[in-house]
Each structure stands twice: as structure tokens, then as C-alpha cells.
Amino acid sequence: MDEMKMYQEGQAAGGGRPQAATMPDMLEQMRQIFADRDAEYTRMEQAYQKRKEILDAKEASLLETVSGLEDRLSVVTAREGNVREKEAELQEKMESLAKEKAALQEAQAELEKEKTEQWMKVSLLREEARNEKLRSQRLAGEYEEKLSKLPADSPYLSVLQETAGQAARKQMEEKIAAMETSLRQKEQTITEMQAENEDREVQIAALQGTVDSQKEELEKGKEENRQLKAKNEYLTKTNQELEELSQILPEQQKQDMESLHTLAKELTEEKEALKEENRRLMEENRRLQEEKGELFKKLMAGVQSGTQDRESWQEKREWEEKGSSQNTEEIEETDTTISQEEPLQADVLLMEDLLTAETLQEYLQEEGVNARLLHSADGELVAVATDELQIMFAFRESPRFDIRKKQKGGWGMKKLIRRYNENKAGLTFIYDENEEELIGSAEFSLSISPEDLIHKVYQAARIYFGYQDKKEK
């Protein structure tokens, strides 16, 4: 055990970790610069296409607007013609109504005149009747006076009085009846004329209302016509402006297209130059990766030789312990208990030399590394997380470790993985597209010491993943 401890201390003292190379970081930065530049080219191309689409859409919108304005102008012109026709019809109706109103006014004047004449005639007839009544009274008085002059005993006196009275009354009654009949006829005629006059007044009022409504409609049509004229003038002006704009737009679009083509040409030339520089850097990177692969192979060969020496030393120690136990059995036959415990102690020592997940976790924690011990159905796991990397040690039937780093995929990543795997650097590289992670994995022996295993893993992380320890920074 003392010799084992001395060997481990010698390995720990002599196995210093080399400084991390800065070339992977520089190459990573260069790849990032190229990726950013390609993204910038893509954005400029998208901006160019977007601007072209906007100009095309604007031109189509202007053409559609011009077409719409022309359609609206034709509609407005048609409506203006309809309004003019309607205005002419209303004018004709107003003239006809004016003529009818004048005729009604003349008829009303004639009715008033005729009414006045009829009233005058009635008044004359009444006065004539009064005169006839007075004359009949006078004649009756004269007749009475003549009768009074006759002798009282004249046989003709009573007959004459009766006859004269009857004739006078009959004549008077006939005249009065005739006058009353004439008056009734005149009054009936006047009543009919009044009713007819009232009907005509109602018709005149209705016609006046119609004329007023027609006037309002005519005024409304005139106002609408004025609005349509103003709108027509605005549409005409807008159409002219759009025509001028449609003439100016192709020239501006042509200038923009020429400037964009010039810019695209310059960008293409710069892109070709950058591609050439990128190709040169990729060749240099490939050469450096080959050199790193050779160095890592040598490192792995040194670690494996140390492991083999250690295993041979362990086998030699086992044989010595077995031989000593056999000699002890031959010499001390009576002490059977001690002779049985010696092989068990050798087995315990052999088991203690194998690397376990708990041993690796304790070592990492002593080194100040945050390590977690996980349990699964296949075996135990030790997980180590840094700022950039995820490292997992799996203690299963075939122990292995995985190094993971978040990186963008693409054609460059596929080419890099193919080059790494072709160099046979001791790790197998794959890319997880779902998690966007570059994964490097390799198997390790349980007989390796924690120091050698961690040194091997961190050396691979520096070379292939650009890892830098905080202590080294």
C-alpha cells in the first residue's frame, strides 16, 4: 500500500496539466465572425427583397387606386347626368305647376267676380220684390179707395172686393213664390259656387304643397350636384397627382434597384474574398487539428502505458501476497485463522484500487469541482457542470465519459465532426440536433486513477471544445 501511495503521489506531482491552447478560441471566434457576416448578408438580401416587395405592392396599390378613382369618376359623372335630367324634369314640373296655379288663380278670381255679380243680382231681386210689394200695396190702396166710392148697397161691391182681394193675393203670392224660387236658385247656385271654390282652394293648397316639396327636392338636387362637382374636381386632381406619382415611381424604383444591385455586387465580391480567407483558415485549422490529434494520441498512449505498468505492478503484488500467504501456511500450520485472512486482505486491496463513482466524486469535490452523484438502473453516474460544458462519467458495464457543449449546427459542424472522427483522436464525436450539442465520448478503465482520468478528460475538453479553466484564466 505504501508503494501504491508513492506511485500515485508521483503521478500527481509529475502529471501537470498543460496550458490551454488559444487557437481553438481564435478559430471559434473566426467562425462566429463568418457566421455573423453570412447572417448580415442574409438580412441585407431579405431587406432588399422586402423593399422590392413593398415597392411592387405600392405600385399595384397605386394602379388599383387609379382604377378605383376612374370607376368612381365614371359613377359620379353618371350620377351628375342623372341629377341634371332630374333637375330638368323638376323645372318642367315647376313650370307646369306655375301655369296650373295661374289658371287656378284666374278661375278663383272669376268665381269671386261671379259670386259678387250673383249677390248683386240677388240684392236687385230683393229690392225689386220690395218695390213690387210697395206697388201692390199702393194699388191695393187705390183699389180700396175706388171701392169705397161705390155705393154701399151696390150688389157688385162685395163681389168686386172678394174678386179683387183674391186676384191681388194670388198675383202677389205668385210673384212672391217666383221671387222666392229665384232666390233659392240663386242661393243654391252661390252655395255650389262656394263649394266648388273651396274644392279649388283645397286643390290649390295641395298643388302649393307639391310645388314646395318639388322646390325642396330641387334645392336638394342642386346641393347634391354641387357636392358631386366638388368631389369630381377632387377626384380629378387626385387622379392627376397619382398619374404624376406613377410616372415618378418607376424612375425612383429603377434608381433603388441599381443601387441595390451595386451593393449586392460589392457584397458578393466581399463574400468571395471572405470565403477564400475562410478556406485558408480552415486548412490551417485542419493542420492544427491533426497536430492536436497526434498530441492527444501520444497523451493517451502515455496514460495507457502508465495504466498498464500499474496493472502489472498490481499483478506482481498479488502474486507476492499469494506466495507469502502460502509460505505462511507451510510454516505456521497451527494458525489457520491468519492463513485464511491473508487472501481476503489481498482481494480487498484489489477492490479498493478500482475506480468507483464515489471515489471520483470525492476527488472532484476535493479539487473544488461541483460534482453530483446520480443513480440509475444501468449504473452510477457522476455529473460535472461548468459554464460551457456538461461532463458525465457513467460507471456501467463499459465505463465511459461524455463531454457536451452547446453549439450551432450546420454544414460547418458536420465537416468538423467528420474531420475529428477521421483523425482517430481517441474520442467519438456526434452532434445532437434536438439539443444542439456537440458530444465527444470515450471509454475508460476502472483501474485508472481519478487524477489521470480527470487530466485526460480536461485535456480533451481543452483541445476539442475550447475549454479554459478559471484558474488558468
Protein backbone atom coordinates (compact mmCIF):
# COMPACT_ATOMS: atom_id res chain seq x y z
CA MET A 1 0.00 0.00 0.00
CA ASP A 2 2.88 2.38 0.75
CA GLU A 3 4.35 1.75 -2.70
CA MET A 4 0.90 2.36 -4.27
CA LYS A 5 0.58 5.70 -2.47
CA MET A 6 4.09 6.70 -3.52
CA TYR A 7 3.22 5.86 -7.14
CA GLN A 8 0.02 7.90 -7.04
CA GLU A 9 1.85 10.86 -5.47
CA GLY A 10 4.48 10.63 -8.18
CA GLN A 11 1.80 10.59 -10.87
CA ALA A 12 0.04 13.57 -9.28
CA ALA A 13 3.30 15.52 -8.96
CA GLY A 14 4.58 14.74 -12.45
CA GLY A 15 1.29 14.88 -14.34
CA GLY A 16 0.93 18.65 -14.59
CA ARG A 17 -1.81 19.84 -16.91
CA PRO A 18 -0.58 21.80 -19.95
CA GLN A 19 -1.86 25.27 -20.66
CA ALA A 20 -4.96 25.52 -22.82
CA ALA A 21 -4.33 26.42 -26.42
CA THR A 22 -5.79 29.73 -27.67
CA MET A 23 -6.05 28.68 -31.34
CA PRO A 24 -9.45 26.91 -30.91
CA ASP A 25 -10.85 30.06 -29.37
CA MET A 26 -9.50 32.12 -32.23
CA LEU A 27 -10.94 29.68 -34.76
CA GLU A 28 -14.25 29.69 -32.94
CA GLN A 29 -14.27 33.50 -33.00
CA MET A 30 -13.39 33.45 -36.69
CA ARG A 31 -16.24 31.01 -37.40
CA GLN A 32 -18.57 33.24 -35.40
CA ILE A 33 -17.44 36.28 -37.42
CA PHE A 34 -18.10 34.44 -40.68
CA ALA A 35 -21.48 33.26 -39.40
CA ASP A 36 -22.39 36.81 -38.37
CA ARG A 37 -21.28 38.11 -41.75
CA ASP A 38 -23.34 35.50 -43.59
CA ALA A 39 -26.29 36.42 -41.38
CA GLU A 40 -25.72 40.09 -42.26
CA TYR A 41 -25.68 39.21 -45.98
CA THR A 42 -28.89 37.28 -45.49
CA ARG A 43 -30.52 40.18 -43.65
CA MET A 44 -29.44 42.63 -46.37
CA GLU A 45 -30.82 40.33 -49.05
CA GLN A 46 -34.06 39.99 -47.09
CA ALA A 47 -34.24 43.77 -46.68
CA TYR A 48 -33.70 44.17 -50.42
CA GLN A 49 -36.42 41.64 -51.22
CA LYS A 50 -38.73 43.21 -48.64
CA ARG A 51 -38.20 46.68 -50.07
CA LYS A 52 -38.79 45.37 -53.58
CA GLU A 53 -42.00 43.69 -52.44
CA ILE A 54 -43.10 46.93 -50.75
CA LEU A 55 -42.43 48.94 -53.92
CA ASP A 56 -44.26 46.38 -56.06
CA ALA A 57 -47.17 46.35 -53.63
CA LYS A 58 -47.19 50.15 -53.58
CA GLU A 59 -47.22 50.29 -57.37
CA ALA A 60 -50.05 47.74 -57.53
CA SER A 61 -51.92 49.68 -54.86
CA LEU A 62 -51.49 52.91 -56.83
CA LEU A 63 -52.72 51.26 -60.01
CA GLU A 64 -55.68 49.83 -58.12
CA THR A 65 -56.36 53.26 -56.60
CA VAL A 66 -56.21 54.92 -60.03
CA SER A 67 -58.59 52.29 -61.42
CA GLY A 68 -60.91 52.78 -58.46
CA LEU A 69 -60.83 56.56 -58.90
CA GLU A 70 -61.62 56.20 -62.59
CA ASP A 71 -64.56 53.96 -61.74
CA ARG A 72 -65.75 56.41 -59.11
CA LEU A 73 -65.31 59.27 -61.59
CA SER A 74 -67.48 57.47 -64.15
CA VAL A 75 -70.08 56.76 -61.45
CA VAL A 76 -70.04 60.40 -60.35
CA THR A 77 -70.36 61.55 -63.97
CA ALA A 78 -73.33 59.23 -64.49
CA ARG A 79 -74.94 60.46 -61.27
CA GLU A 80 -74.31 64.05 -62.34
CA GLY A 81 -76.10 63.34 -65.65
CA ASN A 82 -78.99 61.77 -63.75
CA VAL A 83 -79.17 64.79 -61.46
CA ARG A 84 -79.23 67.12 -64.45
CA GLU A 85 -82.03 65.12 -66.06
CA LYS A 86 -83.91 65.14 -62.79
CA GLU A 87 -83.33 68.86 -62.45
CA ALA A 88 -84.75 69.42 -65.95
CA GLU A 89 -87.79 67.30 -65.09
CA LEU A 90 -88.31 69.24 -61.88
CA GLN A 91 -88.00 72.50 -63.79
CA GLU A 92 -90.65 71.34 -66.24
CA LYS A 93 -92.89 70.28 -63.36
CA MET A 94 -92.42 73.63 -61.67
CA GLU A 95 -93.33 75.47 -64.87
CA SER A 96 -96.41 73.25 -65.29
CA LEU A 97 -97.39 73.82 -61.67
CA ALA A 98 -96.89 77.55 -62.09
CA LYS A 99 -99.21 77.52 -65.11
CA GLU A 100 -101.79 75.48 -63.21
CA LYS A 101 -101.51 77.82 -60.26
CA ALA A 102 -102.03 80.85 -62.52
CA ALA A 103 -105.05 79.16 -64.11
CA LEU A 104 -106.47 78.37 -60.67
CA GLN A 105 -105.92 81.92 -59.54
CA GLU A 106 -107.72 83.19 -62.65
CA ALA A 107 -110.57 80.74 -62.03
CA GLN A 108 -110.74 81.84 -58.41
CA ALA A 109 -110.86 85.47 -59.49
CA GLU A 110 -113.64 84.67 -61.94
CA LEU A 111 -115.52 82.81 -59.21
CA GLU A 112 -115.18 85.75 -56.90
CA LYS A 113 -116.36 88.05 -59.64
CA GLU A 114 -119.29 85.79 -60.49
CA LYS A 115 -120.12 85.44 -56.80
CA THR A 116 -120.17 89.18 -56.45
CA GLU A 117 -122.38 89.50 -59.52
CA GLN A 118 -124.78 86.87 -58.19
CA TRP A 119 -125.00 88.63 -54.86
CA MET A 120 -125.71 91.85 -56.69
CA LYS A 121 -128.42 90.14 -58.71
CA VAL A 122 -129.96 88.71 -55.55
CA SER A 123 -129.88 92.13 -53.96
CA LEU A 124 -131.52 93.63 -57.04
CA LEU A 125 -134.21 90.97 -56.98
CA ARG A 126 -134.86 91.62 -53.33
CA GLU A 127 -135.13 95.33 -53.94
CA GLU A 128 -137.41 94.71 -56.92
CA ALA A 129 -139.56 92.45 -54.73
CA ARG A 130 -139.79 95.17 -52.17
CA ASN A 131 -140.73 97.65 -54.86
CA GLU A 132 -143.38 95.28 -56.21
CA LYS A 133 -144.71 94.81 -52.72
CA LEU A 134 -144.93 98.53 -52.22
CA ARG A 135 -146.55 98.96 -55.62
CA SER A 136 -149.03 96.20 -54.87
CA GLN A 137 -149.81 97.85 -51.58
CA ARG A 138 -150.29 101.13 -53.38
CA LEU A 139 -152.55 99.53 -55.98
CA ALA A 140 -154.48 97.76 -53.28
CA GLY A 141 -154.96 101.07 -51.52
CA GLU A 142 -156.12 102.72 -54.70
CA TYR A 143 -158.46 99.83 -55.38
CA GLU A 144 -159.84 100.05 -51.88
CA GLU A 145 -160.30 103.74 -52.33
CA LYS A 146 -162.23 103.17 -55.59
CA LEU A 147 -164.38 100.58 -53.94
CA SER A 148 -165.13 102.92 -51.13
CA LYS A 149 -166.52 105.36 -53.62
CA LEU A 150 -169.11 102.84 -54.80
CA PRO A 151 -172.49 102.86 -53.10
CA ALA A 152 -172.72 100.68 -50.10
CA ASP A 153 -175.78 98.92 -51.34
CA SER A 154 -174.26 98.07 -54.71
CA PRO A 155 -174.54 94.33 -55.40
CA TYR A 156 -171.15 94.33 -57.14
CA LEU A 157 -169.31 95.75 -54.21
CA SER A 158 -168.86 92.54 -52.26
CA VAL A 159 -168.09 90.54 -55.39
CA LEU A 160 -165.53 93.07 -56.55
CA GLN A 161 -163.96 93.24 -53.14
CA GLU A 162 -163.70 89.48 -52.93
CA THR A 163 -162.50 89.13 -56.52
CA ALA A 164 -160.03 91.96 -56.23
CA GLY A 165 -158.70 90.61 -52.99
CA GLN A 166 -158.30 87.12 -54.36
CA ALA A 167 -156.70 88.32 -57.58
CA ALA A 168 -154.37 90.64 -55.76
CA ARG A 169 -153.45 87.99 -53.26
CA LYS A 170 -152.98 85.41 -55.96
CA GLN A 171 -150.89 87.73 -58.06
CA MET A 172 -148.88 88.74 -55.04
CA GLU A 173 -148.42 85.16 -53.93
CA GLU A 174 -147.30 84.15 -57.42
CA LYS A 175 -144.83 86.98 -57.58
CA ILE A 176 -143.55 86.20 -54.11
CA ALA A 177 -143.30 82.49 -54.93
CA ALA A 178 -141.48 83.26 -58.15
CA MET A 179 -139.13 85.59 -56.35
CA GLU A 180 -138.52 83.03 -53.59
CA THR A 181 -137.88 80.33 -56.18
CA SER A 182 -135.46 82.60 -57.99
CA LEU A 183 -133.78 83.49 -54.71
CA ARG A 184 -133.45 79.82 -53.75
CA GLN A 185 -131.97 79.02 -57.14
CA LYS A 186 -129.57 81.91 -56.82
CA GLU A 187 -128.61 80.85 -53.28
CA GLN A 188 -128.15 77.25 -54.42
CA THR A 189 -126.02 78.44 -57.30
CA ILE A 190 -123.98 80.57 -54.92
CA THR A 191 -123.61 77.62 -52.49
CA GLU A 192 -122.46 75.36 -55.31
CA MET A 193 -120.04 78.01 -56.48
CA GLN A 194 -118.73 78.37 -52.90
CA ALA A 195 -118.28 74.58 -52.58
CA GLU A 196 -116.54 74.49 -55.94
CA ASN A 197 -114.41 77.42 -54.87
CA GLU A 198 -113.47 75.61 -51.64
CA ASP A 199 -112.56 72.48 -53.63
CA ARG A 200 -110.40 74.56 -55.89
CA GLU A 201 -108.79 76.19 -52.88
CA VAL A 202 -108.01 72.72 -51.50
CA GLN A 203 -106.55 71.73 -54.86
CA ILE A 204 -104.55 74.94 -54.95
CA ALA A 205 -103.22 74.25 -51.40
CA ALA A 206 -102.30 70.68 -52.40
CA LEU A 207 -100.61 71.95 -55.52
CA GLN A 208 -98.81 74.56 -53.44
CA GLY A 209 -97.55 71.81 -51.10
CA THR A 210 -96.44 69.76 -54.10
CA VAL A 211 -94.69 72.80 -55.51
CA ASP A 212 -92.95 73.40 -52.17
CA SER A 213 -91.82 69.77 -51.92
CA GLN A 214 -90.64 69.89 -55.52
CA LYS A 215 -88.74 73.07 -54.70
CA GLU A 216 -87.11 71.40 -51.69
CA GLU A 217 -86.22 68.36 -53.78
CA LEU A 218 -84.85 70.65 -56.47
CA GLU A 219 -82.73 72.52 -53.91
CA LYS A 220 -81.53 69.21 -52.50
CA GLY A 221 -80.66 68.04 -56.01
CA LYS A 222 -78.79 71.28 -56.64
CA GLU A 223 -76.85 70.85 -53.37
CA GLU A 224 -76.03 67.24 -54.25
CA ASN A 225 -74.97 68.39 -57.69
CA ARG A 226 -72.64 70.95 -56.12
CA GLN A 227 -71.17 68.28 -53.83
CA LEU A 228 -70.72 65.92 -56.76
CA LYS A 229 -69.00 68.66 -58.72
CA ALA A 230 -66.65 69.37 -55.81
CA LYS A 231 -65.98 65.64 -55.41
CA ASN A 232 -65.41 65.34 -59.14
CA GLU A 233 -62.88 68.15 -59.02
CA TYR A 234 -61.12 66.49 -56.04
CA LEU A 235 -61.05 63.12 -57.80
CA THR A 236 -59.73 64.72 -60.97
CA LYS A 237 -56.98 66.45 -59.01
CA THR A 238 -56.15 63.23 -57.12
CA ASN A 239 -56.06 61.31 -60.38
CA GLN A 240 -53.61 63.81 -61.84
CA GLU A 241 -51.40 63.55 -58.73
CA LEU A 242 -51.49 59.76 -58.93
CA GLU A 243 -50.56 59.85 -62.60
CA GLU A 244 -47.61 62.11 -61.78
CA LEU A 245 -46.63 59.80 -58.91
CA SER A 246 -46.94 56.73 -61.14
CA GLN A 247 -44.59 58.43 -63.60
CA ILE A 248 -42.08 59.32 -60.87
CA LEU A 249 -42.24 55.94 -59.06
CA PRO A 250 -40.64 53.77 -61.80
CA GLU A 251 -37.66 56.15 -62.01
CA GLN A 252 -37.15 56.05 -58.24
CA GLN A 253 -37.61 52.29 -58.21
CA LYS A 254 -35.09 51.98 -61.03
CA GLN A 255 -32.55 54.05 -59.07
CA ASP A 256 -33.15 51.94 -55.95
CA MET A 257 -32.73 48.75 -57.96
CA GLU A 258 -29.46 49.99 -59.46
CA SER A 259 -28.11 50.96 -56.03
CA LEU A 260 -29.20 47.59 -54.60
CA HIS A 261 -27.57 45.72 -57.49
CA THR A 262 -24.36 47.67 -56.93
CA LEU A 263 -24.47 46.89 -53.23
CA ALA A 264 -25.21 43.22 -53.94
CA LYS A 265 -22.25 43.08 -56.32
CA GLU A 266 -19.94 44.60 -53.70
CA LEU A 267 -21.26 42.20 -51.08
CA THR A 268 -20.74 39.26 -53.44
CA GLU A 269 -17.12 40.27 -54.06
CA GLU A 270 -16.52 40.71 -50.34
CA LYS A 271 -18.20 37.37 -49.67
CA GLU A 272 -15.93 35.63 -52.19
CA ALA A 273 -12.88 37.20 -50.53
CA LEU A 274 -14.12 36.08 -47.13
CA LYS A 275 -14.76 32.57 -48.46
CA GLU A 276 -11.18 32.43 -49.72
CA GLU A 277 -9.90 33.62 -46.35
CA ASN A 278 -12.18 31.13 -44.61
CA ARG A 279 -10.86 28.32 -46.79
CA ARG A 280 -7.29 29.26 -45.89
CA LEU A 281 -8.14 29.38 -42.20
CA MET A 282 -9.96 26.04 -42.44
CA GLU A 283 -6.85 24.48 -43.99
CA GLU A 284 -4.74 25.90 -41.18
CA ASN A 285 -7.31 24.70 -38.66
CA ARG A 286 -7.25 21.22 -40.20
CA ARG A 287 -3.47 21.14 -39.89
CA LEU A 288 -3.66 22.27 -36.26
CA GLN A 289 -6.34 19.69 -35.52
CA GLU A 290 -4.14 16.97 -36.98
CA GLU A 291 -1.28 18.13 -34.78
CA LYS A 292 -3.61 18.17 -31.77
CA GLY A 293 -4.80 14.68 -32.64
CA GLU A 294 -1.21 13.44 -32.72
CA LEU A 295 -0.51 15.11 -29.38
CA PHE A 296 -3.64 13.62 -27.87
CA LYS A 297 -2.72 10.18 -29.21
CA LYS A 298 0.68 10.49 -27.56
CA LEU A 299 -1.01 11.63 -24.35
CA MET A 300 -3.41 8.69 -24.46
CA ALA A 301 -0.55 6.31 -25.18
CA GLY A 302 1.32 7.68 -22.13
CA VAL A 303 -1.73 7.31 -19.91
CA GLN A 304 -2.38 3.77 -21.15
CA SER A 305 1.28 2.77 -20.61
CA GLY A 306 1.11 4.16 -17.07
CA THR A 307 -2.09 2.23 -16.52
CA GLN A 308 -0.52 -0.98 -17.89
CA ASP A 309 2.55 -0.52 -15.63
CA ARG A 310 0.24 -0.04 -12.72
CA GLU A 311 -1.76 -3.15 -13.59
CA SER A 312 1.43 -5.23 -13.95
CA TRP A 313 2.61 -3.89 -10.60
CA GLN A 314 -0.71 -4.84 -9.04
CA GLU A 315 -0.49 -8.37 -10.51
CA LYS A 316 3.06 -8.72 -9.20
CA ARG A 317 1.93 -7.56 -5.77
CA GLU A 318 -0.92 -10.09 -5.83
CA TRP A 319 1.45 -12.93 -6.69
CA GLU A 320 3.80 -11.85 -3.91
CA GLU A 321 0.96 -11.71 -1.42
CA LYS A 322 -0.28 -15.11 -2.55
CA GLY A 323 3.24 -16.54 -2.24
CA SER A 324 3.69 -15.08 1.21
CA SER A 325 0.34 -16.50 2.28
CA GLN A 326 1.35 -19.95 1.01
CA ASN A 327 4.68 -19.80 2.87
CA THR A 328 2.87 -18.75 5.98
CA GLU A 329 0.55 -21.74 5.67
CA GLU A 330 3.51 -24.15 5.34
CA ILE A 331 5.43 -22.64 8.26
CA GLU A 332 2.55 -21.89 10.62
CA GLU A 333 0.18 -24.79 10.18
CA THR A 334 -1.37 -24.30 13.61
CA ASP A 335 -2.50 -20.67 13.00
CA THR A 336 -5.26 -21.39 10.42
CA THR A 337 -7.12 -18.16 11.11
CA ILE A 338 -4.25 -15.92 9.97
CA SER A 339 -3.56 -18.04 6.88
CA GLN A 340 -7.23 -17.67 5.80
CA GLU A 341 -7.33 -13.89 6.28
CA GLU A 342 -4.34 -13.12 4.01
CA PRO A 343 -6.10 -13.86 0.64
CA LEU A 344 -9.14 -11.90 1.80
CA GLN A 345 -6.99 -8.87 2.54
CA ALA A 346 -5.41 -9.11 -0.91
CA ASP A 347 -8.86 -9.19 -2.53
CA VAL A 348 -9.90 -6.15 -0.51
CA LEU A 349 -6.79 -4.29 -1.62
CA LEU A 350 -7.52 -5.19 -5.25
CA MET A 351 -11.11 -3.98 -4.98
CA GLU A 352 -10.01 -0.77 -3.31
CA ASP A 353 -7.70 0.02 -6.25
CA LEU A 354 -10.63 0.01 -8.78
CA LEU A 355 -12.15 3.43 -9.52
CA THR A 356 -15.73 3.97 -8.33
CA ALA A 357 -18.26 6.76 -8.72
CA GLU A 358 -17.95 7.70 -5.03
CA THR A 359 -14.16 7.89 -5.29
CA LEU A 360 -14.35 10.11 -8.37
CA GLN A 361 -16.93 12.39 -6.72
CA GLU A 362 -14.79 12.73 -3.57
CA TYR A 363 -11.75 13.58 -5.66
CA LEU A 364 -13.62 16.21 -7.68
CA GLN A 365 -15.04 17.79 -4.53
CA GLU A 366 -11.55 17.92 -3.02
CA GLU A 367 -10.44 19.72 -6.20
CA GLY A 368 -13.24 22.27 -5.73
CA VAL A 369 -15.40 20.97 -8.59
CA ASN A 370 -19.17 20.76 -8.19
CA ALA A 371 -19.88 17.07 -8.88
CA ARG A 372 -23.17 15.24 -8.37
CA LEU A 373 -23.62 11.52 -7.84
CA LEU A 374 -26.63 10.07 -9.68
CA HIS A 375 -28.10 6.58 -9.58
CA SER A 376 -29.75 4.74 -12.47
CA ALA A 377 -30.77 1.21 -13.37
CA ASP A 378 -27.67 0.74 -15.57
CA GLY A 379 -25.20 2.07 -13.02
CA GLU A 380 -24.00 5.13 -11.19
CA LEU A 381 -23.27 8.49 -12.82
CA VAL A 382 -21.09 11.44 -11.86
CA ALA A 383 -22.21 14.74 -13.43
CA VAL A 384 -19.94 17.79 -13.66
CA ALA A 385 -21.28 21.12 -14.94
CA THR A 386 -19.15 24.13 -15.92
CA ASP A 387 -20.06 27.43 -17.54
CA GLU A 388 -19.71 25.94 -21.03
CA LEU A 389 -19.53 22.15 -20.72
CA GLN A 390 -21.52 19.24 -19.35
CA ILE A 391 -19.36 16.20 -18.41
CA MET A 392 -20.89 12.87 -17.46
CA PHE A 393 -18.98 9.82 -16.12
CA ALA A 394 -21.02 6.61 -16.47
CA PHE A 395 -19.92 3.65 -14.31
CA ARG A 396 -21.63 0.84 -16.21
CA GLU A 397 -20.56 -2.46 -17.73
CA SER A 398 -18.47 -0.45 -20.20
CA PRO A 399 -17.43 2.71 -18.32
CA ARG A 400 -17.34 5.83 -20.48
CA PHE A 401 -17.46 9.62 -20.24
CA ASP A 402 -19.30 12.20 -22.36
CA ILE A 403 -18.34 15.85 -22.94
CA ARG A 404 -21.19 18.08 -24.17
CA LYS A 405 -21.17 21.69 -25.38
CA LYS A 406 -23.93 23.87 -26.81
CA GLN A 407 -23.04 24.83 -30.40
CA LYS A 408 -24.92 25.73 -33.55
CA GLY A 409 -25.16 23.01 -36.15
CA GLY A 410 -24.94 23.19 -39.90
CA TRP A 411 -22.62 22.25 -42.70
CA GLY A 412 -19.52 23.50 -40.85
CA MET A 413 -20.33 21.39 -37.79
CA LYS A 414 -20.77 18.24 -39.91
CA LYS A 415 -17.43 18.87 -41.59
CA LEU A 416 -15.73 19.44 -38.22
CA ILE A 417 -17.15 16.20 -36.75
CA ARG A 418 -16.06 14.23 -39.81
CA ARG A 419 -12.52 15.61 -39.51
CA TYR A 420 -12.36 14.84 -35.77
CA ASN A 421 -13.52 11.26 -36.30
CA GLU A 422 -11.12 10.75 -39.22
CA ASN A 423 -8.16 11.86 -37.05
CA LYS A 424 -8.94 9.00 -34.60
CA ALA A 425 -8.12 11.16 -31.62
CA GLY A 426 -9.45 8.64 -29.09
CA LEU A 427 -12.92 10.22 -28.85
CA THR A 428 -16.07 9.61 -30.87
CA PHE A 429 -17.85 12.82 -31.88
CA ILE A 430 -21.55 13.20 -32.72
CA TYR A 431 -23.98 16.13 -32.87
CA ASP A 432 -27.38 16.13 -31.13
CA GLU A 433 -29.63 18.26 -33.35
CA ASN A 434 -32.51 18.29 -30.86
CA GLU A 435 -30.38 19.64 -28.01
CA GLU A 436 -27.95 21.48 -30.36
CA GLU A 437 -24.94 19.93 -28.58
CA LEU A 438 -21.55 18.69 -29.75
CA ILE A 439 -20.81 15.42 -27.91
CA GLY A 440 -17.42 13.74 -27.54
CA SER A 441 -17.33 10.36 -25.77
CA ALA A 442 -14.77 7.67 -24.95
CA GLU A 443 -14.40 4.64 -22.72
CA PHE A 444 -12.11 4.48 -19.68
CA SER A 445 -10.75 1.71 -17.47
CA LEU A 446 -11.76 1.36 -13.83
CA SER A 447 -8.13 0.72 -12.98
CA ILE A 448 -7.21 4.30 -13.93
CA SER A 449 -6.65 6.78 -11.12
CA PRO A 450 -9.02 9.75 -10.67
CA GLU A 451 -6.15 12.16 -11.38
CA ASP A 452 -5.32 10.53 -14.71
CA LEU A 453 -8.97 10.29 -15.75
CA ILE A 454 -9.74 13.94 -14.95
CA HIS A 455 -6.50 15.03 -16.64
CA LYS A 456 -7.43 13.05 -19.75
CA VAL A 457 -10.98 14.47 -19.87
CA TYR A 458 -9.95 18.09 -19.31
CA GLN A 459 -7.17 17.78 -21.88
CA ALA A 460 -9.75 16.61 -24.46
CA ALA A 461 -12.07 19.44 -23.40
CA ARG A 462 -9.31 21.99 -23.98
CA ILE A 463 -8.26 20.62 -27.36
CA TYR A 464 -11.64 19.89 -28.95
CA PHE A 465 -14.12 22.05 -27.02
CA GLY A 466 -12.03 25.16 -26.32
CA TYR A 467 -12.42 24.80 -22.54
CA GLN A 468 -10.39 27.05 -20.24
CA ASP A 469 -10.19 26.52 -16.51
CA LYS A 470 -10.96 29.57 -14.36
CA LYS A 471 -7.66 29.09 -12.57
CA GLU A 472 -5.84 29.25 -15.91
CA LYS A 473 -7.68 32.40 -16.97
